C-alpha cells in the first residue's frame, strides 16, 4: 500500500512557530494549526490549487488544521501554529 506524502512528514523534527496577529512566516511549513479563530492575509503553497486563496480574509475556526507545502503564511487576526518539516 502506497503512503501519501503527509503520512511521512516529520513535524516534530522541524519545529513549530506560533503566529499571532500581524505575524508572518516563510520557509518549509507542512501544516498550519488554528488555535484561536484566525484570518490569514497570506497563504502560499506550491501543491495546493488556486482555491487556497479563497481562504485569505476569511475567519478559519479554531481546531482547523491545514496541510500542504506552504512557503508563506501571514496572520491578520487570531493565533495559529506553523509546523515546519
N, C-alpha and C. Protein backbone atom coordinates (compact mmCIF):
# COMPACT_ATOMS: atom_id res chain seq x y z
N UNK A 1 0.84 -1.18 0.00
CA UNK A 1 0.00 0.00 0.00
C UNK A 1 0.89 1.24 0.00
N UNK A 2 0.64 2.14 -0.90
CA UNK A 2 1.43 3.37 -1.00
C UNK A 2 1.02 4.34 0.11
N UNK A 3 1.98 5.09 0.60
CA UNK A 3 1.66 6.09 1.61
C UNK A 3 1.72 7.47 0.97
N UNK A 4 0.91 8.37 1.49
CA UNK A 4 0.91 9.73 0.95
C UNK A 4 2.07 10.51 1.57
N UNK A 5 2.39 11.62 0.96
CA UNK A 5 3.48 12.47 1.44
C UNK A 5 3.18 12.95 2.86
N UNK A 6 1.92 13.31 3.17
CA UNK A 6 1.59 13.81 4.50
C UNK A 6 1.80 12.75 5.57
N UNK A 7 1.66 11.47 5.24
CA UNK A 7 1.90 10.42 6.23
C UNK A 7 3.36 10.32 6.61
N UNK A 8 4.25 10.83 5.78
CA UNK A 8 5.67 10.69 6.04
C UNK A 8 6.31 11.97 6.58
N UNK A 9 5.57 13.04 6.70
CA UNK A 9 6.14 14.27 7.24
C UNK A 9 6.48 14.10 8.71
N UNK A 10 7.62 14.63 9.11
CA UNK A 10 8.03 14.55 10.50
C UNK A 10 8.02 15.95 11.08
N UNK A 11 6.84 16.38 11.55
CA UNK A 11 6.72 17.73 12.06
C UNK A 11 7.56 17.95 13.30
N UNK A 12 7.70 16.93 14.13
CA UNK A 12 8.43 17.11 15.38
C UNK A 12 9.89 17.46 15.16
N UNK A 13 10.48 17.00 14.08
CA UNK A 13 11.90 17.27 13.84
C UNK A 13 12.13 18.66 13.26
N UNK A 14 11.10 19.29 12.72
CA UNK A 14 11.26 20.59 12.09
C UNK A 14 10.98 21.76 13.00
N UNK A 15 10.26 21.53 14.08
CA UNK A 15 9.92 22.60 15.00
C UNK A 15 8.64 23.31 14.59
N UNK A 16 8.23 24.25 15.40
CA UNK A 16 6.99 24.99 15.18
C UNK A 16 7.18 26.46 15.50
N UNK A 17 6.33 27.29 14.92
CA UNK A 17 6.35 28.72 15.18
C UNK A 17 4.92 29.18 15.44
N UNK A 18 4.71 29.91 16.52
CA UNK A 18 3.40 30.45 16.85
C UNK A 18 3.27 31.82 16.20
N UNK A 19 2.17 32.01 15.47
CA UNK A 19 1.91 33.29 14.80
C UNK A 19 0.65 33.92 15.38
N UNK A 20 0.78 35.15 15.85
CA UNK A 20 -0.35 35.92 16.32
C UNK A 20 -0.69 36.99 15.30
N UNK A 21 -1.53 37.92 15.71
CA UNK A 21 -1.97 38.99 14.81
C UNK A 21 -0.77 39.74 14.22
N UNK A 22 -0.78 39.90 12.92
CA UNK A 22 0.21 40.62 12.12
C UNK A 22 1.57 39.93 12.03
N UNK A 23 1.66 38.67 12.49
CA UNK A 23 2.91 37.91 12.35
C UNK A 23 2.92 37.17 11.01
N UNK A 24 4.12 36.84 10.53
CA UNK A 24 4.24 36.08 9.29
C UNK A 24 5.42 35.12 9.40
N UNK A 25 5.42 34.13 8.52
CA UNK A 25 6.48 33.12 8.50
C UNK A 25 6.69 32.67 7.07
N UNK A 26 7.93 32.51 6.68
CA UNK A 26 8.26 31.93 5.39
C UNK A 26 9.16 30.72 5.63
N UNK A 27 9.21 29.84 4.67
CA UNK A 27 10.02 28.65 4.79
C UNK A 27 9.21 27.41 4.47
N UNK A 28 9.67 26.26 4.93
CA UNK A 28 9.01 24.99 4.67
C UNK A 28 8.03 24.68 5.79
N UNK A 29 6.74 24.89 5.52
CA UNK A 29 5.69 24.69 6.51
C UNK A 29 4.80 23.55 6.00
N UNK A 30 4.63 22.51 6.80
CA UNK A 30 3.86 21.34 6.39
C UNK A 30 2.43 21.34 6.88
N UNK A 31 2.15 22.10 7.94
CA UNK A 31 0.78 22.16 8.48
C UNK A 31 0.61 23.46 9.24
N UNK A 32 -0.62 23.96 9.23
CA UNK A 32 -0.96 25.16 9.98
C UNK A 32 -2.13 24.78 10.88
N UNK A 33 -1.93 24.89 12.19
CA UNK A 33 -2.95 24.54 13.17
C UNK A 33 -3.55 25.83 13.71
N UNK A 34 -4.86 25.99 13.57
CA UNK A 34 -5.55 27.19 14.04
C UNK A 34 -5.94 26.97 15.51
N UNK A 35 -5.39 27.80 16.41
CA UNK A 35 -5.63 27.66 17.84
C UNK A 35 -6.81 28.52 18.27
N UNK A 36 -6.82 29.76 17.81
CA UNK A 36 -7.92 30.70 18.03
C UNK A 36 -8.40 31.11 16.65
N UNK A 37 -9.70 31.30 16.47
CA UNK A 37 -10.22 31.69 15.15
C UNK A 37 -9.26 32.69 14.50
N UNK A 38 -8.84 32.38 13.27
CA UNK A 38 -7.77 33.13 12.60
C UNK A 38 -8.16 33.55 11.20
N UNK A 39 -7.76 34.77 10.85
CA UNK A 39 -7.89 35.26 9.49
C UNK A 39 -6.48 35.41 8.93
N UNK A 40 -6.25 34.83 7.75
CA UNK A 40 -4.93 34.90 7.12
C UNK A 40 -4.91 35.98 6.05
N UNK A 41 -3.81 36.74 6.00
CA UNK A 41 -3.60 37.71 4.94
C UNK A 41 -2.94 37.04 3.75
N UNK A 42 -2.08 36.04 4.04
CA UNK A 42 -1.34 35.32 3.00
C UNK A 42 -1.30 33.83 3.32
N UNK A 43 -1.57 33.01 2.32
CA UNK A 43 -1.36 31.56 2.37
C UNK A 43 -0.81 31.17 1.01
N UNK A 44 0.47 30.81 0.96
CA UNK A 44 1.10 30.44 -0.29
C UNK A 44 1.58 29.00 -0.20
N UNK A 45 1.14 28.16 -1.15
CA UNK A 45 1.56 26.76 -1.18
C UNK A 45 1.69 26.31 -2.63
N UNK A 46 2.76 25.61 -2.93
CA UNK A 46 3.01 25.15 -4.29
C UNK A 46 2.13 23.97 -4.68
N UNK A 47 1.72 23.15 -3.71
CA UNK A 47 0.98 21.94 -4.05
C UNK A 47 -0.52 22.03 -3.79
N UNK A 48 -1.03 23.24 -3.58
CA UNK A 48 -2.46 23.44 -3.35
C UNK A 48 -2.99 24.32 -4.47
N UNK A 49 -4.14 23.96 -5.02
CA UNK A 49 -4.66 24.71 -6.17
C UNK A 49 -5.10 26.12 -5.80
N UNK A 50 -5.56 26.86 -6.76
CA UNK A 50 -5.91 28.27 -6.59
C UNK A 50 -6.99 28.52 -5.54
N UNK A 51 -7.79 27.52 -5.19
CA UNK A 51 -8.86 27.72 -4.21
C UNK A 51 -8.31 28.11 -2.84
N UNK A 52 -7.03 27.88 -2.61
CA UNK A 52 -6.41 28.25 -1.34
C UNK A 52 -6.55 29.75 -1.10
N UNK A 53 -6.46 30.55 -2.14
CA UNK A 53 -6.59 32.00 -1.98
C UNK A 53 -7.97 32.40 -1.47
N UNK A 54 -8.96 31.53 -1.66
CA UNK A 54 -10.30 31.81 -1.15
C UNK A 54 -10.33 31.79 0.38
N UNK A 55 -9.30 31.22 1.01
CA UNK A 55 -9.24 31.17 2.47
C UNK A 55 -8.64 32.43 3.08
N UNK A 56 -8.02 33.28 2.28
CA UNK A 56 -7.48 34.52 2.83
C UNK A 56 -8.63 35.50 3.06
N UNK A 57 -8.56 36.19 4.18
CA UNK A 57 -9.60 37.16 4.51
C UNK A 57 -10.86 36.54 5.10
N UNK A 58 -10.84 35.23 5.33
CA UNK A 58 -12.00 34.51 5.88
C UNK A 58 -11.62 33.99 7.26
N UNK A 59 -12.52 34.08 8.23
CA UNK A 59 -12.24 33.56 9.58
C UNK A 59 -12.25 32.04 9.55
N UNK A 60 -11.12 31.43 9.88
CA UNK A 60 -10.98 29.98 9.94
C UNK A 60 -11.17 29.57 11.40
N UNK A 61 -12.09 28.64 11.68
CA UNK A 61 -12.39 28.30 13.08
C UNK A 61 -11.24 27.59 13.80
N UNK A 62 -11.20 27.77 15.11
CA UNK A 62 -10.23 27.08 15.95
C UNK A 62 -10.39 25.58 15.79
N UNK A 63 -9.27 24.87 15.82
CA UNK A 63 -9.30 23.42 15.67
C UNK A 63 -9.03 22.96 14.26
N UNK A 64 -9.04 23.86 13.31
CA UNK A 64 -8.78 23.51 11.91
C UNK A 64 -7.28 23.30 11.71
N UNK A 65 -6.92 22.28 10.92
CA UNK A 65 -5.53 22.06 10.53
C UNK A 65 -5.47 22.05 9.01
N UNK A 66 -4.64 22.90 8.45
CA UNK A 66 -4.43 22.97 7.00
C UNK A 66 -3.12 22.26 6.68
N UNK A 67 -3.18 21.27 5.80
CA UNK A 67 -1.98 20.53 5.40
C UNK A 67 -1.56 20.94 4.00
N UNK A 68 -0.28 20.98 3.75
CA UNK A 68 0.23 21.31 2.43
C UNK A 68 1.72 21.59 2.52
N UNK A 69 2.27 22.08 1.45
CA UNK A 69 3.67 22.51 1.44
C UNK A 69 3.66 24.03 1.32
N UNK A 70 3.38 24.68 2.44
CA UNK A 70 3.28 26.13 2.47
C UNK A 70 4.67 26.76 2.48
N UNK A 71 4.79 27.89 1.80
CA UNK A 71 6.06 28.61 1.78
C UNK A 71 5.93 29.99 2.43
N UNK A 72 4.69 30.46 2.61
CA UNK A 72 4.48 31.77 3.21
C UNK A 72 3.11 31.81 3.88
N UNK A 73 3.11 32.30 5.13
CA UNK A 73 1.86 32.43 5.89
C UNK A 73 1.91 33.76 6.61
N UNK A 74 0.83 34.52 6.56
CA UNK A 74 0.72 35.77 7.32
C UNK A 74 -0.65 35.81 7.98
N UNK A 75 -0.67 36.13 9.26
CA UNK A 75 -1.91 36.18 10.05
C UNK A 75 -2.36 37.62 10.19
N UNK A 76 -3.64 37.86 9.94
CA UNK A 76 -4.22 39.18 10.18
C UNK A 76 -4.70 39.27 11.62
N UNK A 77 -5.53 38.31 12.03
CA UNK A 77 -6.02 38.24 13.41
C UNK A 77 -6.05 36.78 13.84
N UNK A 78 -5.96 36.55 15.15
CA UNK A 78 -6.07 35.20 15.66
C UNK A 78 -4.74 34.64 16.13
N UNK A 79 -4.67 33.29 16.19
CA UNK A 79 -3.48 32.60 16.64
C UNK A 79 -3.39 31.26 15.93
N UNK A 80 -2.24 31.01 15.30
CA UNK A 80 -2.03 29.76 14.56
C UNK A 80 -0.60 29.27 14.81
N UNK A 81 -0.41 27.97 14.67
CA UNK A 81 0.92 27.37 14.82
C UNK A 81 1.33 26.79 13.48
N UNK A 82 2.48 27.20 12.99
CA UNK A 82 3.04 26.68 11.76
C UNK A 82 4.04 25.59 12.12
N UNK A 83 3.79 24.38 11.60
CA UNK A 83 4.67 23.25 11.87
C UNK A 83 5.59 23.05 10.67
N UNK A 84 6.89 23.19 10.89
CA UNK A 84 7.87 23.02 9.82
C UNK A 84 8.16 21.55 9.60
N UNK A 85 8.67 21.25 8.42
CA UNK A 85 9.11 19.87 8.15
C UNK A 85 10.44 19.89 7.45
